[in-house]
Amino acid sequence: MNSFYIALYALFSIALFGQWATAFNPLSSTNVVNYWGQNSVSSLGGSEGDLVTYCQDDTVDVFVIAFISEIVNGAPILNLANHCGGTFPGSRLLNCPKVAQDIKACQAKGKALVISIGGATGSYSIDDPAAGAAFAEQIWNIFLGGNSATRPFGDAILDGVDLDLESGTNKGYVAFIQTLRTKFAAASRPYYIASAPQCPYPDLATQAALNAAWFDLVWIQFYNNNCGVQSYGTSNFNFNTWNKWATDVSINKDVRVLLGVPGGPGGAGSGVIDASQLVTILSNIKSYSNFGGVMMWDVGIAKQSGLAVAAANYLHKLPSTTTTTSSRTATITTTNAASSTIPSRTTTVPTSTHSGGSCSAPAWSSTATYNAQAQVSYNGRLYTALWWSQDNIPTAGAPWSDIGPCSGTGPTPTATPTPGGCGSVGAWSSSAAYSGGAKVSYAGFIYTAQWWTQGETPGSASVWTKGAACTGTLRRRFYANRR
């Protein structure tokens, strides 16, 4: 598979597609997102209503239907708690005509509805690109714009996919998204890709996809971790880090980052806040360049607590920031469509601070290769690599993030032989993690990674594209803080 990032609807899609344009705008900074389908409010003595009961007013802009909780023999297994019990004959796949009616009724009111893959429990890892591409075909045919005899929601067509990956490495989801993007590019209506990573950065379960594929919205789970909203006002709360990911790392520089919170008591083990606390936090993060609104787990709890209404009352009165500045462009090639140019945002990103101290990180070297999260010292400051890098001066900005001052220069990397090296290109290592675009030498040839990879041998894995032949040399090489 060639390296590519599929341009979706582009920025003008909102104006083109009938009922989907009446309310939902993926570039808005005022969206309210709720998960539906798992009846979590039952633990509090309540009962989650049918989907249609929650879309009668303007509170929620996006409903996330949860979950595709398993992948069995390459096929999705849908779990909607007590909302749907029947299955297709000879299949484990649910058949939910009432939910189908509700989906269409909610879409008619301008809501977007996406299917979520994952959850806190389940078996949904995809580590192989070929399996990811094949699974994308199934999701397209069963839930989106394709055709299948076993569609859980009949002729209702969902608006996209959410990845709530909370376990596994899931490297195959890069190919999964790229395959869907190919479908989206040829479609006559917009579709969206969202994700719900946990707030520790990077989110290991979703990192490969987030750094190498095109997302429209990312609603971060700021709960059940020490970086959650309960830590607001301290250095642990890291919304600024995720906004910096959006502007410096994300393929889509206009991706919207939403604050994810529990819908109320019972919604999470930590991070439960009331309406007043939520509005305080929102009022202080709404100015971030890629801020997109708020997500809540889940709709039944958020309805019972009143938190969803409070969020909507605050956000929907704000001016929706949707403009972009075409200060730079990214050429995006699809397999089914011509290249297109998508404008990117000019942003000012808050800089992380550092308490200072000696520079324990090695001094930056122009000849060394660095993977994401590697740290170096340069001119008395500490820097962290946001993605694979070589010969990029830290003070020049991305892919380096300035962490803060330190004294000294740190140890200098020592020159070590790299068997099979190829000029300035280092030999492939089975223990190294490589981002898309990274080059290695292996068996006398240069290979280029098409997406994030680790432990996949060049020449036998599709992630690597074979290039020119070369001869072995010695070169300086250093890897730091590899995860």
Protein backbone atom coordinates (compact mmCIF):
# COMPACT_ATOMS: atom_id res chain seq x y z
CA MET A 1 0.00 0.00 0.00
CA ASN A 2 1.43 3.37 -0.96
CA SER A 3 1.66 6.08 1.66
CA PHE A 4 -1.34 8.36 1.42
CA TYR A 5 -3.78 10.31 3.51
CA ILE A 6 -7.24 10.59 2.07
CA ALA A 7 -8.86 13.99 1.89
CA LEU A 8 -12.45 13.64 3.04
CA TYR A 9 -15.17 16.10 2.28
CA ALA A 10 -12.81 19.13 2.51
CA LEU A 11 -13.91 22.22 4.30
CA PHE A 12 -16.86 22.99 2.06
CA SER A 13 -18.73 19.70 2.56
CA ILE A 14 -21.07 21.14 5.15
CA ALA A 15 -22.69 23.30 2.50
CA LEU A 16 -23.19 20.48 0.01
CA PHE A 17 -25.11 17.63 1.50
CA GLY A 18 -28.77 18.22 2.34
CA GLN A 19 -29.95 17.18 5.79
CA TRP A 20 -26.44 16.63 7.14
CA ALA A 21 -25.81 20.37 6.79
CA THR A 22 -28.75 21.49 8.94
CA ALA A 23 -26.91 21.31 12.24
CA PHE A 24 -23.75 19.24 12.56
CA ASN A 25 -20.51 20.92 11.62
CA PRO A 26 -17.31 18.91 12.28
CA LEU A 27 -15.24 22.11 12.31
CA SER A 28 -17.37 23.75 14.99
CA SER A 29 -15.94 24.57 18.41
CA THR A 30 -19.33 24.09 20.10
CA ASN A 31 -20.28 20.44 19.53
CA VAL A 32 -21.76 18.26 22.29
CA VAL A 33 -21.14 14.51 21.87
CA ASN A 34 -22.84 11.70 23.85
CA TYR A 35 -22.34 7.95 23.74
CA TRP A 36 -25.49 5.81 23.56
CA GLY A 37 -26.12 2.07 23.65
CA GLN A 38 -24.68 0.62 26.87
CA ASN A 39 -27.36 1.61 29.41
CA SER A 40 -24.75 2.68 31.98
CA VAL A 41 -27.40 4.62 33.91
CA SER A 42 -28.92 1.30 35.00
CA SER A 43 -26.18 1.11 37.66
CA LEU A 44 -27.82 4.19 39.21
CA GLY A 45 -31.31 2.73 39.08
CA GLY A 46 -32.25 4.41 35.81
CA SER A 47 -32.82 3.12 32.29
CA GLU A 48 -31.38 4.42 29.05
CA GLY A 49 -34.15 5.36 26.62
CA ASP A 50 -34.39 4.68 22.92
CA LEU A 51 -32.00 6.71 20.80
CA VAL A 52 -34.76 8.90 19.39
CA THR A 53 -35.74 10.16 22.85
CA TYR A 54 -32.42 12.02 23.15
CA CYS A 55 -32.42 13.78 19.78
CA GLN A 56 -35.68 15.71 20.07
CA ASP A 57 -33.98 18.93 21.20
CA ASP A 58 -30.75 20.78 20.42
CA THR A 59 -28.70 19.44 23.34
CA VAL A 60 -26.60 16.78 21.58
CA ASP A 61 -24.96 17.27 18.17
CA VAL A 62 -23.31 13.85 17.78
CA PHE A 63 -24.44 10.44 19.04
CA VAL A 64 -21.85 7.67 19.26
CA ILE A 65 -23.49 4.23 19.05
CA ALA A 66 -21.57 1.83 21.29
CA PHE A 67 -20.15 -0.70 20.68
CA ILE A 68 -18.69 -2.99 18.08
CA SER A 69 -17.01 -4.76 20.98
CA GLU A 70 -15.44 -7.73 19.21
CA ILE A 71 -13.98 -8.80 15.91
CA VAL A 72 -14.46 -12.54 15.34
CA ASN A 73 -13.00 -14.15 12.23
CA GLY A 74 -12.66 -10.68 10.74
CA ALA A 75 -16.35 -9.81 11.30
CA PRO A 76 -17.80 -7.21 13.70
CA ILE A 77 -19.85 -8.23 16.75
CA LEU A 78 -22.30 -5.52 17.81
CA ASN A 79 -23.36 -5.11 21.46
CA LEU A 80 -26.13 -2.64 22.32
CA ALA A 81 -26.97 -3.86 25.84
CA ASN A 82 -30.77 -4.10 26.19
CA HIS A 83 -31.60 -2.07 23.08
CA CYS A 84 -31.48 -4.91 20.56
CA GLY A 85 -31.63 -8.65 21.06
CA GLY A 86 -32.46 -10.22 17.70
CA THR A 87 -29.85 -11.45 15.25
CA PHE A 88 -29.82 -12.36 11.58
CA PRO A 89 -30.40 -16.09 10.93
CA GLY A 90 -27.18 -18.04 11.21
CA SER A 91 -25.27 -14.96 12.38
CA ARG A 92 -24.16 -13.33 15.61
CA LEU A 93 -24.79 -9.90 14.08
CA LEU A 94 -27.68 -7.97 15.64
CA ASN A 95 -30.73 -7.03 13.57
CA CYS A 96 -32.12 -3.77 15.02
CA PRO A 97 -34.98 -2.25 12.95
CA LYS A 98 -36.13 0.05 15.80
CA VAL A 99 -32.65 1.52 16.17
CA ALA A 100 -32.58 1.98 12.39
CA GLN A 101 -35.76 4.08 12.55
CA ASP A 102 -34.29 6.16 15.37
CA ILE A 103 -31.06 6.78 13.45
CA LYS A 104 -32.94 8.20 10.48
CA ALA A 105 -35.18 10.30 12.74
CA CYS A 106 -32.14 11.79 14.49
CA GLN A 107 -30.33 12.47 11.22
CA ALA A 108 -33.43 14.27 9.96
CA LYS A 109 -32.95 16.67 12.88
CA GLY A 110 -29.38 17.40 11.80
CA LYS A 111 -27.61 15.06 14.21
CA ALA A 112 -24.55 13.04 13.24
CA LEU A 113 -24.41 9.39 14.33
CA VAL A 114 -21.27 7.27 14.24
CA ILE A 115 -20.58 3.66 15.18
CA SER A 116 -17.96 3.09 17.87
CA ILE A 117 -15.42 0.27 17.76
CA GLY A 118 -13.82 -0.76 21.04
CA GLY A 119 -14.71 -0.03 24.64
CA ALA A 120 -13.09 -0.74 27.99
CA THR A 121 -13.55 -4.48 27.48
CA GLY A 122 -13.66 -6.55 24.33
CA SER A 123 -11.45 -8.05 21.66
CA TYR A 124 -10.97 -5.70 18.72
CA SER A 125 -7.23 -5.41 18.10
CA ILE A 126 -6.04 -5.26 14.49
CA ASP A 127 -2.29 -5.39 14.08
CA ASP A 128 -2.07 -6.40 10.43
CA PRO A 129 -2.64 -3.82 7.66
CA ALA A 130 -4.30 -6.35 5.37
CA ALA A 131 -6.73 -7.29 8.14
CA GLY A 132 -7.38 -3.60 8.78
CA ALA A 133 -8.23 -2.98 5.14
CA ALA A 134 -10.51 -6.03 5.03
CA PHE A 135 -12.31 -4.96 8.20
CA ALA A 136 -12.86 -1.51 6.72
CA GLU A 137 -14.65 -3.11 3.79
CA GLN A 138 -16.98 -4.88 6.24
CA ILE A 139 -17.71 -1.71 8.22
CA TRP A 140 -18.40 0.19 5.01
CA ASN A 141 -20.81 -2.47 3.75
CA ILE A 142 -22.56 -3.19 7.05
CA PHE A 143 -22.90 0.28 8.62
CA LEU A 144 -21.97 2.98 6.10
CA GLY A 145 -22.51 3.49 2.37
CA GLY A 146 -21.97 -0.05 1.10
CA ASN A 147 -24.29 -3.02 0.68
CA SER A 148 -24.82 -6.18 2.69
CA ALA A 149 -27.63 -8.64 3.34
CA THR A 150 -26.92 -8.31 7.06
CA ARG A 151 -27.05 -4.62 7.94
CA PRO A 152 -27.97 -4.18 11.65
CA PHE A 153 -29.59 -0.83 10.90
CA GLY A 154 -31.09 -1.70 7.53
CA ASP A 155 -31.05 1.13 5.03
CA ALA A 156 -30.01 3.69 7.66
CA ILE A 157 -26.54 4.95 6.81
CA LEU A 158 -24.37 6.08 9.68
CA ASP A 159 -22.18 9.17 9.38
CA GLY A 160 -18.86 7.62 10.31
CA VAL A 161 -16.76 5.64 12.75
CA ASP A 162 -15.35 6.26 16.23
CA LEU A 163 -12.32 4.37 17.54
CA ASP A 164 -12.54 3.87 21.30
CA LEU A 165 -9.47 1.64 21.47
CA GLU A 166 -8.44 0.96 25.05
CA SER A 167 -6.21 -2.09 24.69
CA GLY A 168 -3.77 -3.57 22.21
CA THR A 169 -1.39 -1.84 19.79
CA ASN A 170 -3.86 -1.75 16.88
CA LYS A 171 -1.41 -0.88 14.11
CA GLY A 172 -3.83 -2.27 11.52
CA TYR A 173 -6.25 0.59 12.14
CA VAL A 174 -4.05 2.87 10.02
CA ALA A 175 -4.88 0.78 6.95
CA PHE A 176 -8.47 0.54 8.22
CA ILE A 177 -8.87 4.32 8.14
CA GLN A 178 -7.01 4.73 4.86
CA THR A 179 -9.33 2.20 3.21
CA LEU A 180 -12.41 4.00 4.52
CA ARG A 181 -11.01 7.32 3.34
CA THR A 182 -10.84 5.91 -0.17
CA LYS A 183 -14.54 5.06 0.10
CA PHE A 184 -15.34 8.49 1.53
CA ALA A 185 -13.54 10.30 -1.28
CA ALA A 186 -15.84 8.72 -3.87
CA ALA A 187 -19.05 9.16 -1.85
CA SER A 188 -21.75 11.76 -2.49
CA ARG A 189 -22.06 12.77 1.17
CA PRO A 190 -19.64 13.42 4.04
CA TYR A 191 -18.39 10.80 6.48
CA TYR A 192 -16.25 11.31 9.57
CA ILE A 193 -13.57 9.50 11.54
CA ALA A 194 -13.36 10.16 15.29
CA SER A 195 -11.37 8.72 18.17
CA ALA A 196 -11.64 8.61 21.97
CA PRO A 197 -8.10 8.19 23.32
CA GLN A 198 -7.42 8.36 27.04
CA CYS A 199 -5.71 11.54 28.20
CA PRO A 200 -2.16 10.23 28.94
CA TYR A 201 -0.06 11.28 25.96
CA PRO A 202 0.62 9.44 23.80
CA ASP A 203 -2.33 7.08 24.07
CA LEU A 204 -0.60 3.79 23.35
CA ALA A 205 -3.69 1.93 22.11
CA THR A 206 -4.49 4.55 19.45
CA GLN A 207 -1.13 6.21 18.87
CA ALA A 208 -0.31 4.50 15.58
CA ALA A 209 -3.59 5.56 13.97
CA LEU A 210 -3.62 9.07 15.47
CA ASN A 211 -0.17 9.87 14.12
CA ALA A 212 -0.56 8.36 10.67
CA ALA A 213 -4.21 8.69 9.61
CA TRP A 214 -6.69 11.50 9.00
CA PHE A 215 -9.12 12.16 11.87
CA ASP A 216 -11.88 14.76 11.94
CA LEU A 217 -12.62 14.78 15.66
CA VAL A 218 -10.78 13.45 18.69
CA TRP A 219 -12.66 13.47 22.00
CA ILE A 220 -10.17 12.80 24.76
CA GLN A 221 -11.20 10.83 27.86
CA PHE A 222 -10.19 13.24 30.61
CA TYR A 223 -11.23 10.82 33.33
CA ASN A 224 -10.02 7.63 35.03
CA ASN A 225 -6.45 8.99 34.76
CA ASN A 226 -4.43 11.55 36.73
CA CYS A 227 -4.55 13.88 33.70
CA GLY A 228 -8.33 14.04 33.98
CA VAL A 229 -10.53 17.03 34.73
CA GLN A 230 -10.22 16.39 38.46
CA SER A 231 -6.63 17.67 38.00
CA TYR A 232 -7.70 20.89 36.29
CA GLY A 233 -5.57 23.77 37.58
CA THR A 234 -2.48 21.56 37.96
CA SER A 235 0.24 20.53 35.53
CA ASN A 236 -1.31 17.05 35.30
CA PHE A 237 -4.28 18.31 33.27
CA ASN A 238 -2.91 18.17 29.72
CA PHE A 239 -5.46 19.56 27.27
CA ASN A 240 -2.63 21.78 25.97
CA THR A 241 -0.61 18.67 25.08
CA TRP A 242 -3.45 17.27 22.99
CA ASN A 243 -3.98 20.61 21.25
CA LYS A 244 -0.28 20.59 20.42
CA TRP A 245 -0.69 17.09 18.99
CA ALA A 246 -3.47 18.48 16.79
CA THR A 247 -1.37 21.34 15.44
CA ASP A 248 2.03 19.66 15.20
CA VAL A 249 1.48 15.91 14.75
CA SER A 250 -1.99 15.23 13.36
CA ILE A 251 -2.20 14.75 9.61
CA ASN A 252 -5.33 16.91 9.65
CA LYS A 253 -4.27 20.25 11.16
CA ASP A 254 -7.93 21.22 11.52
CA VAL A 255 -8.86 18.18 13.61
CA ARG A 256 -11.11 19.19 16.49
CA VAL A 257 -10.10 18.22 20.05
CA LEU A 258 -13.01 17.79 22.47
CA LEU A 259 -12.97 17.59 26.26
CA GLY A 260 -14.30 14.19 27.32
CA VAL A 261 -15.91 13.99 30.78
CA PRO A 262 -18.16 11.58 32.69
CA GLY A 263 -21.83 12.44 32.22
CA GLY A 264 -22.25 12.61 35.98
CA PRO A 265 -21.99 10.44 39.10
CA GLY A 266 -21.53 6.82 38.07
CA GLY A 267 -20.01 7.75 34.73
CA ALA A 268 -16.41 7.04 35.72
CA GLY A 269 -14.16 6.15 38.63
CA SER A 270 -12.57 9.60 38.66
CA GLY A 271 -13.13 12.89 36.88
CA VAL A 272 -16.78 13.38 37.81
CA ILE A 273 -17.51 17.13 37.88
CA ASP A 274 -20.63 19.24 38.18
CA ALA A 275 -21.99 21.81 35.73
CA SER A 276 -20.24 24.75 37.39
CA GLN A 277 -16.85 23.04 37.25
CA LEU A 278 -17.42 22.03 33.63
CA VAL A 279 -18.26 25.57 32.55
CA THR A 280 -15.18 26.88 34.36
CA ILE A 281 -12.94 24.46 32.49
CA LEU A 282 -14.62 25.08 29.13
CA SER A 283 -14.32 28.84 29.56
CA ASN A 284 -10.57 28.45 29.98
CA ILE A 285 -9.86 25.98 27.16
CA LYS A 286 -12.26 27.31 24.51
CA SER A 287 -9.51 29.61 23.18
CA TYR A 288 -7.27 26.71 22.13
CA SER A 289 -6.89 26.72 18.37
CA ASN A 290 -8.41 23.26 17.77
CA PHE A 291 -10.97 23.17 20.59
CA GLY A 292 -14.12 21.41 19.41
CA GLY A 293 -16.54 21.09 22.33
CA VAL A 294 -17.31 18.38 24.88
CA MET A 295 -17.94 14.62 24.89
CA MET A 296 -19.76 12.74 27.66
CA TRP A 297 -20.03 9.13 28.75
CA ASP A 298 -22.82 8.52 28.45
CA VAL A 299 -26.22 9.89 27.34
CA GLY A 300 -28.35 8.33 30.06
CA ILE A 301 -26.09 9.54 32.87
CA ALA A 302 -25.63 12.97 31.29
CA LYS A 303 -29.40 13.34 30.92
CA GLN A 304 -30.04 12.34 34.52
CA SER A 305 -27.37 14.68 35.92
CA GLY A 306 -28.25 17.59 33.63
CA LEU A 307 -24.61 17.94 32.57
CA ALA A 308 -25.35 17.60 28.83
CA VAL A 309 -27.90 20.42 29.00
CA ALA A 310 -25.46 22.59 30.95
CA ALA A 311 -22.75 22.01 28.36
CA ALA A 312 -25.11 22.78 25.49
CA ASN A 313 -26.42 25.92 27.20
CA TYR A 314 -22.85 27.19 27.51
CA LEU A 315 -21.30 26.02 24.22
CA HIS A 316 -24.18 26.68 21.85
CA LYS A 317 -24.22 30.34 22.86
CA LEU A 318 -20.57 30.76 21.91
CA PRO A 319 -19.49 31.85 18.43
CA SER A 320 -18.46 28.73 16.55
CA THR A 321 -14.85 29.02 15.41
CA THR A 322 -14.66 27.36 12.00
CA THR A 323 -12.36 29.58 9.95
CA THR A 324 -8.95 28.46 8.79
CA THR A 325 -5.92 30.21 7.41
CA SER A 326 -4.26 28.77 4.32
CA SER A 327 -0.74 29.39 5.51
CA ARG A 328 0.51 26.06 4.29
CA THR A 329 -0.91 23.22 2.25
CA ALA A 330 -0.69 19.46 2.32
CA THR A 331 -1.05 17.45 -0.88
CA ILE A 332 -3.15 14.35 -0.26
CA THR A 333 -3.29 11.56 -2.80
CA THR A 334 -6.05 8.98 -3.00
CA THR A 335 -6.22 5.75 -4.93
CA ASN A 336 -9.62 6.60 -6.42
CA ALA A 337 -9.41 10.36 -6.75
CA ALA A 338 -7.06 13.03 -7.94
CA SER A 339 -4.75 14.85 -5.56
CA SER A 340 -6.34 17.62 -3.56
CA THR A 341 -4.97 20.42 -1.46
CA ILE A 342 -6.39 21.03 1.98
CA PRO A 343 -5.66 24.29 3.81
CA SER A 344 -4.10 24.03 7.23
CA ARG A 345 -4.44 26.25 10.26
CA THR A 346 -1.98 28.81 11.55
CA THR A 347 -1.81 28.24 15.28
CA THR A 348 -0.19 29.56 18.40
CA VAL A 349 0.30 26.65 20.77
CA PRO A 350 1.00 27.03 24.49
CA THR A 351 4.55 25.85 25.25
CA SER A 352 5.03 23.30 27.98
CA THR A 353 7.19 24.43 30.85
CA HIS A 354 10.01 22.59 32.55
CA SER A 355 11.38 23.03 36.01
CA GLY A 356 14.92 23.28 34.76
CA GLY A 357 17.92 21.31 36.02
CA SER A 358 20.77 19.58 34.27
CA CYS A 359 20.36 18.31 30.72
CA SER A 360 20.27 14.57 31.29
CA ALA A 361 19.08 13.96 27.73
CA PRO A 362 21.78 13.39 25.11
CA ALA A 363 22.88 16.30 22.99
CA TRP A 364 21.08 16.51 19.65
CA SER A 365 23.03 15.14 16.70
CA SER A 366 22.34 15.92 13.05
CA THR A 367 23.36 12.38 12.07
CA ALA A 368 21.25 10.52 14.63
CA THR A 369 17.75 9.20 13.98
CA TYR A 370 15.09 9.84 16.61
CA ASN A 371 11.72 8.16 17.06
CA ALA A 372 8.64 9.75 18.62
CA GLN A 373 9.14 10.60 22.33
CA ALA A 374 12.94 10.66 22.06
CA GLN A 375 14.43 13.48 24.13
CA VAL A 376 17.51 15.57 23.37
CA SER A 377 19.21 18.64 24.77
CA TYR A 378 20.12 21.55 22.51
CA ASN A 379 21.45 25.02 23.40
CA GLY A 380 20.47 24.61 27.05
CA ARG A 381 16.92 23.38 26.43
CA LEU A 382 15.18 20.02 26.48
CA TYR A 383 13.25 18.84 23.41
CA THR A 384 10.95 15.86 22.74
CA ALA A 385 10.44 14.37 19.26
CA LEU A 386 6.80 14.30 18.15
CA TRP A 387 7.54 11.85 15.34
CA TRP A 388 10.49 10.25 13.53
CA SER A 389 13.23 12.77 12.85
CA GLN A 390 16.68 13.09 11.40
CA ASP A 391 18.70 16.27 10.81
CA ASN A 392 15.84 18.53 11.94
CA ILE A 393 17.26 21.26 14.20
CA PRO A 394 15.23 21.37 17.44
CA THR A 395 14.90 25.17 17.44
CA ALA A 396 13.21 25.02 14.02
CA GLY A 397 10.03 23.65 15.60
CA ALA A 398 8.14 20.50 14.54
CA PRO A 399 8.88 17.65 14.81
CA TRP A 400 10.54 18.88 18.02
CA SER A 401 8.55 20.14 21.03
CA ASP A 402 10.35 22.56 23.36
CA ILE A 403 9.93 21.18 26.90
CA GLY A 404 11.92 23.87 28.70
CA PRO A 405 15.33 25.01 29.92
CA CYS A 406 18.08 22.83 31.33
CA SER A 407 21.75 23.40 32.05
CA GLY A 408 24.58 21.75 30.18
CA THR A 409 24.39 19.80 26.97
CA GLY A 410 23.95 16.22 28.10
CA PRO A 411 26.03 13.26 26.96
CA THR A 412 27.04 13.11 23.33
CA PRO A 413 25.95 10.05 21.31
CA THR A 414 28.87 7.84 20.44
CA ALA A 415 29.55 6.60 16.95
CA THR A 416 28.57 2.96 16.61
CA PRO A 417 28.74 0.69 13.60
CA THR A 418 25.43 -0.02 11.91
CA PRO A 419 25.72 -3.23 9.88
CA GLY A 420 24.14 -2.92 6.51
CA GLY A 421 23.92 0.88 6.74
CA CYS A 422 23.36 2.90 3.62
CA GLY A 423 25.04 6.28 3.75
CA SER A 424 22.94 8.39 6.10
CA VAL A 425 20.20 5.75 6.33
CA GLY A 426 20.45 3.45 9.35
CA ALA A 427 19.92 -0.28 9.39
CA TRP A 428 16.47 -1.58 10.29
CA SER A 429 16.08 -2.71 13.92
CA SER A 430 13.36 -5.12 15.05
CA SER A 431 13.10 -3.30 18.40
CA ALA A 432 12.79 0.22 16.96
CA ALA A 433 9.47 1.92 16.31
CA TYR A 434 9.25 3.78 12.98
CA SER A 435 6.71 6.39 11.95
CA GLY A 436 5.41 6.87 8.42
CA GLY A 437 8.16 8.24 6.16
CA ALA A 438 11.04 6.73 8.14
CA LYS A 439 13.80 5.21 6.00
CA VAL A 440 15.94 2.18 6.88
CA SER A 441 18.42 -0.02 5.11
CA TYR A 442 17.96 -3.78 5.00
CA ALA A 443 19.61 -6.51 2.94
CA GLY A 444 21.28 -3.94 0.68
CA PHE A 445 18.23 -1.81 -0.08
CA ILE A 446 16.57 1.33 1.29
CA TYR A 447 13.02 0.88 2.56
CA THR A 448 10.47 3.57 3.48
CA ALA A 449 7.78 3.03 6.14
CA GLN A 450 4.26 3.77 4.89
CA TRP A 451 2.82 4.04 8.40
CA TRP A 452 3.82 3.35 12.01
CA THR A 453 5.58 0.03 12.40
CA GLN A 454 7.62 -2.04 14.84
CA GLY A 455 9.02 -5.52 14.39
CA GLU A 456 7.81 -5.88 10.78
CA THR A 457 10.67 -6.97 8.53
CA PRO A 458 11.36 -4.91 5.38
CA GLY A 459 10.81 -6.96 2.27
CA SER A 460 8.17 -9.18 3.87
CA ALA A 461 5.72 -6.65 5.35
CA SER A 462 3.54 -4.32 3.25
CA VAL A 463 4.30 -1.38 5.53
CA TRP A 464 7.74 -1.11 3.87
CA THR A 465 8.25 0.17 0.31
CA LYS A 466 11.45 -1.03 -1.31
CA GLY A 467 13.70 1.63 -2.81
CA ALA A 468 17.18 1.86 -4.29
CA ALA A 469 20.05 -0.51 -3.62
CA CYS A 470 22.92 0.65 -1.41
CA THR A 471 26.15 -0.49 0.19
CA GLY A 472 26.90 -0.82 3.89
CA THR A 473 28.77 1.93 5.76
CA LEU A 474 29.30 3.04 9.31
CA ARG A 475 27.16 5.82 10.71
CA ARG A 476 26.31 7.51 14.00
CA ARG A 477 23.09 6.23 15.51
CA PHE A 478 21.17 6.85 18.70
CA TYR A 479 17.74 5.87 19.96
CA ALA A 480 16.25 7.32 23.12
CA ASN A 481 13.11 6.72 25.20
CA ARG A 482 11.62 4.30 22.71
CA ARG A 483 8.11 3.12 23.66
